[in-house]
Amino acid sequence: MTTQQQPLRKLYYWPARGRGEQIRIILSDAGMPFEDVTWDASKGEAAKQEFFKMCKGLGGHTTTNIPMLEEGGKFYTQSSAIIRKIGRDAKLYTGTYEEDMLIATAEDLRSANYKAMSMFGATDKAIKSYIDVVLPKHLQNLERLLLSTEGLYLLGNDACVADLTLYDALHVAERQVPGVLSKYPRVKLFFDTVEGRPGVKKWVASDQRKKLMAFPSVVKTTPQKVDGDSRCPWPFIYFHDPATGLRDWQTWLVAGLATAWYFTARSR
């Protein structure tokens, strides 16, 4: 089917990558052009609610229904079902237990990534656990899994939906903990191989993608070391940790001097 003959596809989602990104990646890899349908975030809450109301009507469920794919006048919801639908159409989905298991593995990593985001309520303790324990476990498992395969991809030398959705989950992990994939050579090779596929490469570099919000790093900047102390020096600590700054002796010294000066000035 040529590009001109393909039905117009529309993806309804937030103006962000999020759970819609794996769908975009698979569509792009399959050479299926699509339009992102979202709302203008600069117009505030009213625009968002109007968009959600429209999606509820189109999708037919009481939830927002997004991500939601429109194709040939039909509407498809649930991201896991959508990626399989596209995969079947593009002959990228085998439908085997092995691939479904790998898709679930990618989803486990994606969920772990989201649980570490402060915008979704993650505490500092949860973020630290994600960086030190949770993410390494996922990547160690993937490293072992990929080393056991004979081809470049999860199921051999032919890419499938599982590869593309895992690539997306790994991309989020790399954004959240920059450089983490380089610690796992086979995972990094897999990531680079998928990203080098023509459709994926084109999508990653596209202006359309650049307009979408991407999740930030969860790694805090390492504090400056001063005299062996691995924390930011006073008074710069106030820029990012005022509670700690208030406990510093310098703060109370300055406060004491300022108070003494104030009362001395008033008595004159």
Protein backbone atom coordinates (compact mmCIF):
# COMPACT_ATOMS: atom_id res chain seq x y z
CA MET A 1 0.00 0.00 0.00
CA THR A 2 1.51 3.36 -0.96
CA THR A 3 1.57 6.33 1.36
CA GLN A 4 -1.09 8.08 -0.76
CA GLN A 5 -3.45 5.09 -0.49
CA GLN A 6 -3.17 4.69 3.26
CA PRO A 7 -6.11 5.83 5.39
CA LEU A 8 -5.58 9.03 7.34
CA ARG A 9 -4.50 8.23 10.88
CA LYS A 10 -4.83 10.53 13.85
CA LEU A 11 -3.38 9.99 17.31
CA TYR A 12 -5.23 11.72 20.13
CA TYR A 13 -3.07 12.32 23.18
CA TRP A 14 -1.54 14.89 25.52
CA PRO A 15 0.94 17.33 23.91
CA ALA A 16 3.67 15.02 25.25
CA ARG A 17 5.47 11.80 24.41
CA GLY A 18 4.24 9.67 27.32
CA ARG A 19 2.29 6.50 26.54
CA GLY A 20 1.52 7.79 23.08
CA GLU A 21 5.16 7.70 22.03
CA GLN A 22 5.40 3.95 21.54
CA ILE A 23 2.45 4.22 19.12
CA ARG A 24 4.14 7.03 17.20
CA ILE A 25 7.38 5.04 16.98
CA ILE A 26 5.63 1.93 15.63
CA LEU A 27 3.63 3.98 13.11
CA SER A 28 6.81 5.71 11.99
CA ASP A 29 8.77 2.47 11.68
CA ALA A 30 5.94 1.00 9.59
CA GLY A 31 5.88 4.04 7.30
CA MET A 32 2.35 4.96 8.33
CA PRO A 33 1.97 8.77 8.39
CA PHE A 34 -0.19 10.20 11.15
CA GLU A 35 -1.36 13.44 12.66
CA ASP A 36 -0.98 14.32 16.34
CA VAL A 37 -4.28 15.66 17.69
CA THR A 38 -3.99 17.43 21.02
CA TRP A 39 -4.72 20.78 22.64
CA ASP A 40 -2.78 24.01 22.95
CA ALA A 41 -1.27 23.86 26.44
CA SER A 42 -0.87 27.65 26.46
CA LYS A 43 -4.67 28.00 26.56
CA GLY A 44 -4.93 26.46 30.01
CA GLU A 45 -7.22 24.03 31.77
CA ALA A 46 -10.34 24.88 29.77
CA ALA A 47 -8.72 23.79 26.50
CA LYS A 48 -7.57 20.52 28.08
CA GLN A 49 -11.01 19.68 29.45
CA GLU A 50 -12.61 20.47 26.10
CA PHE A 51 -10.15 18.08 24.44
CA PHE A 52 -10.92 15.34 26.97
CA LYS A 53 -14.64 15.85 26.45
CA MET A 54 -14.19 15.43 22.70
CA CYS A 55 -12.15 12.24 23.18
CA LYS A 56 -14.74 10.75 25.52
CA GLY A 57 -17.36 11.28 22.85
CA LEU A 58 -15.25 9.80 20.07
CA GLY A 59 -13.91 6.84 22.01
CA GLY A 60 -17.18 5.86 23.62
CA HIS A 61 -15.82 5.25 27.13
CA THR A 62 -16.23 7.26 30.32
CA THR A 63 -12.45 7.70 30.57
CA THR A 64 -10.51 10.13 28.38
CA ASN A 65 -9.77 7.21 26.01
CA ILE A 66 -6.28 8.54 25.24
CA PRO A 67 -4.03 7.51 23.69
CA MET A 68 -6.60 6.92 20.96
CA LEU A 69 -5.98 6.12 17.32
CA GLU A 70 -8.38 7.10 14.55
CA GLU A 71 -8.10 5.18 11.30
CA GLY A 72 -10.59 5.00 8.48
CA GLY A 73 -13.30 6.56 10.61
CA LYS A 74 -12.86 4.03 13.43
CA PHE A 75 -11.46 4.76 16.87
CA TYR A 76 -9.11 2.44 18.76
CA THR A 77 -8.25 2.79 22.45
CA GLN A 78 -5.88 1.18 24.98
CA SER A 79 -2.22 1.58 24.06
CA SER A 80 -1.36 -2.12 24.39
CA ALA A 81 -4.18 -3.04 21.99
CA ILE A 82 -3.30 -0.23 19.58
CA ILE A 83 0.35 -1.26 19.20
CA ARG A 84 -0.72 -4.84 18.43
CA LYS A 85 -3.29 -3.61 15.89
CA ILE A 86 -0.67 -1.53 14.09
CA GLY A 87 1.78 -4.40 14.34
CA ARG A 88 -0.64 -6.81 12.66
CA ASP A 89 -1.34 -4.30 9.89
CA ALA A 90 2.38 -3.73 9.30
CA LYS A 91 3.38 -7.38 9.81
CA LEU A 92 5.47 -6.37 12.82
CA TYR A 93 3.57 -8.43 15.38
CA THR A 94 4.02 -12.19 15.60
CA GLY A 95 1.18 -12.79 18.04
CA THR A 96 3.27 -15.36 19.93
CA TYR A 97 3.53 -15.80 23.68
CA GLU A 98 7.21 -14.88 23.44
CA GLU A 99 6.49 -11.50 21.92
CA ASP A 100 3.59 -10.79 24.29
CA MET A 101 5.89 -11.57 27.21
CA LEU A 102 8.49 -9.15 25.86
CA ILE A 103 5.85 -6.44 25.37
CA ALA A 104 4.86 -6.95 29.01
CA THR A 105 8.53 -6.69 30.00
CA ALA A 106 8.75 -3.33 28.23
CA GLU A 107 5.58 -2.18 29.97
CA ASP A 108 7.03 -3.15 33.36
CA LEU A 109 10.03 -0.92 32.67
CA ARG A 110 7.78 1.90 31.45
CA SER A 111 5.69 1.72 34.62
CA ALA A 112 8.83 1.74 36.78
CA ASN A 113 10.02 4.84 34.92
CA TYR A 114 6.76 6.66 35.62
CA LYS A 115 6.71 5.73 39.30
CA ALA A 116 10.03 7.56 39.71
CA MET A 117 8.69 10.88 38.43
CA SER A 118 8.06 13.60 41.00
CA MET A 119 5.24 14.99 38.82
CA PHE A 120 3.41 11.72 39.53
CA GLY A 121 4.06 11.90 43.26
CA ALA A 122 7.39 10.10 43.59
CA THR A 123 9.24 10.86 46.82
CA ASP A 124 13.00 11.41 47.03
CA LYS A 125 13.25 7.94 48.57
CA ALA A 126 11.37 6.36 45.66
CA ILE A 127 13.53 8.19 43.12
CA LYS A 128 16.72 7.05 44.85
CA SER A 129 15.44 3.47 44.90
CA TYR A 130 14.65 3.70 41.18
CA ILE A 131 18.16 4.94 40.36
CA ASP A 132 20.05 2.56 42.66
CA VAL A 133 17.89 -0.58 42.68
CA VAL A 134 14.82 -0.71 40.42
CA LEU A 135 16.26 0.49 37.11
CA PRO A 136 19.48 -1.55 37.39
CA LYS A 137 17.40 -4.70 37.98
CA HIS A 138 15.37 -4.08 34.84
CA LEU A 139 18.46 -3.33 32.76
CA GLN A 140 20.39 -6.32 34.11
CA ASN A 141 17.47 -8.55 33.15
CA LEU A 142 17.36 -7.05 29.66
CA GLU A 143 21.11 -7.39 29.27
CA ARG A 144 20.86 -11.09 30.13
CA LEU A 145 17.88 -11.54 27.83
CA LEU A 146 19.52 -9.83 24.87
CA LEU A 147 22.78 -11.73 25.33
CA SER A 148 20.78 -14.95 24.99
CA THR A 149 19.39 -13.97 21.57
CA GLU A 150 21.13 -14.82 18.32
CA GLY A 151 20.13 -11.74 16.35
CA LEU A 152 20.17 -7.98 16.78
CA TYR A 153 16.61 -7.85 18.06
CA LEU A 154 14.66 -9.56 20.82
CA LEU A 155 13.40 -12.39 18.63
CA GLY A 156 16.22 -12.63 16.12
CA ASN A 157 17.16 -10.48 13.14
CA ASP A 158 13.67 -9.21 12.35
CA ALA A 159 12.24 -6.30 14.35
CA CYS A 160 8.83 -6.60 15.93
CA VAL A 161 6.46 -4.54 18.07
CA ALA A 162 8.21 -5.73 21.24
CA ASP A 163 11.50 -4.18 20.04
CA LEU A 164 9.89 -0.85 19.29
CA THR A 165 7.95 -0.53 22.53
CA LEU A 166 11.03 -1.57 24.53
CA TYR A 167 13.07 1.05 22.70
CA ASP A 168 10.59 3.69 23.86
CA ALA A 169 10.78 2.52 27.50
CA LEU A 170 14.58 2.53 27.33
CA HIS A 171 14.55 6.02 25.83
CA VAL A 172 12.60 7.29 28.86
CA ALA A 173 15.00 5.52 31.24
CA GLU A 174 17.98 7.11 29.49
CA ARG A 175 16.40 10.56 29.75
CA GLN A 176 15.66 10.08 33.43
CA VAL A 177 19.11 8.74 34.30
CA PRO A 178 21.44 10.11 31.59
CA GLY A 179 24.16 7.70 30.52
CA VAL A 180 22.67 4.68 32.29
CA LEU A 181 22.39 2.54 29.12
CA SER A 182 26.14 2.76 28.50
CA LYS A 183 26.63 0.50 31.56
CA TYR A 184 24.86 -2.33 29.72
CA PRO A 185 26.64 -2.89 26.37
CA ARG A 186 24.12 -5.29 24.85
CA VAL A 187 21.18 -3.09 25.84
CA LYS A 188 22.96 -0.07 24.37
CA LEU A 189 23.64 -1.93 21.12
CA PHE A 190 19.97 -2.91 20.91
CA PHE A 191 18.87 0.69 21.61
CA ASP A 192 21.18 2.10 18.94
CA THR A 193 20.10 -0.57 16.43
CA VAL A 194 16.41 0.25 16.82
CA GLU A 195 17.07 3.98 16.74
CA GLY A 196 19.00 3.50 13.51
CA ARG A 197 16.01 2.02 11.70
CA PRO A 198 14.98 4.49 8.95
CA GLY A 199 11.46 5.17 10.18
CA VAL A 200 12.49 5.50 13.83
CA LYS A 201 15.47 7.67 12.96
CA LYS A 202 13.27 9.97 10.91
CA TRP A 203 10.71 10.28 13.70
CA VAL A 204 13.32 10.99 16.40
CA ALA A 205 14.72 13.86 14.32
CA SER A 206 11.33 15.25 13.26
CA ASP A 207 9.97 18.69 14.12
CA GLN A 208 6.68 17.02 14.97
CA ARG A 209 8.35 15.14 17.83
CA LYS A 210 10.26 18.16 19.06
CA LYS A 211 6.96 19.90 19.82
CA LEU A 212 6.02 17.21 22.35
CA MET A 213 6.92 17.45 26.03
CA ALA A 214 9.51 14.91 27.17
CA PHE A 215 10.02 13.70 30.72
CA PRO A 216 13.05 15.29 32.45
CA SER A 217 15.92 13.69 34.32
CA VAL A 218 15.22 12.49 37.86
CA VAL A 219 18.89 12.77 38.82
CA LYS A 220 19.63 15.77 40.98
CA THR A 221 22.76 17.81 40.29
CA THR A 222 25.64 16.59 42.41
CA PRO A 223 26.34 19.20 45.13
CA GLN A 224 29.67 21.04 45.08
CA LYS A 225 32.22 19.64 47.53
CA VAL A 226 33.67 22.16 49.98
CA ASP A 227 36.38 21.16 52.48
CA GLY A 228 35.39 17.51 52.20
CA ASP A 229 31.67 18.23 52.64
CA SER A 230 29.59 16.84 49.75
CA ARG A 231 26.99 19.60 49.83
CA CYS A 232 26.47 23.03 48.35
CA PRO A 233 28.18 25.85 50.31
CA TRP A 234 26.38 28.63 52.15
CA PRO A 235 24.71 30.92 51.02
CA PHE A 236 24.19 29.14 47.63
CA ILE A 237 22.37 26.32 49.42
CA TYR A 238 19.35 28.66 49.60
CA PHE A 239 18.83 28.39 45.85
CA HIS A 240 17.80 24.72 46.05
CA ASP A 241 17.59 23.68 49.75
CA PRO A 242 16.50 26.59 51.98
CA ALA A 243 15.54 24.25 54.85
CA THR A 244 19.16 23.10 55.13
CA GLY A 245 20.36 26.69 54.78
CA LEU A 246 18.32 27.72 57.78
CA ARG A 247 20.20 25.18 59.91
CA ASP A 248 23.63 26.54 58.97
CA TRP A 249 25.51 28.50 61.63
CA GLN A 250 26.27 31.23 59.11
CA THR A 251 22.56 31.97 58.80
CA TRP A 252 22.17 32.48 62.53
CA LEU A 253 25.37 34.54 62.75
CA VAL A 254 24.10 36.89 60.06
CA ALA A 255 20.67 36.99 61.68
CA GLY A 256 22.22 37.81 65.06
CA LEU A 257 24.41 40.57 63.63
CA ALA A 258 21.47 42.04 61.72
CA THR A 259 19.30 42.03 64.84
CA ALA A 260 22.06 43.70 66.91
CA TRP A 261 22.56 46.35 64.24
CA TYR A 262 18.80 47.00 64.07
CA PHE A 263 18.39 47.60 67.80
CA THR A 264 21.60 49.64 67.98
CA ALA A 265 20.38 51.86 65.16
CA ARG A 266 17.00 52.35 66.85
CA SER A 267 18.59 53.38 70.16
CA ARG A 268 20.53 56.21 68.60
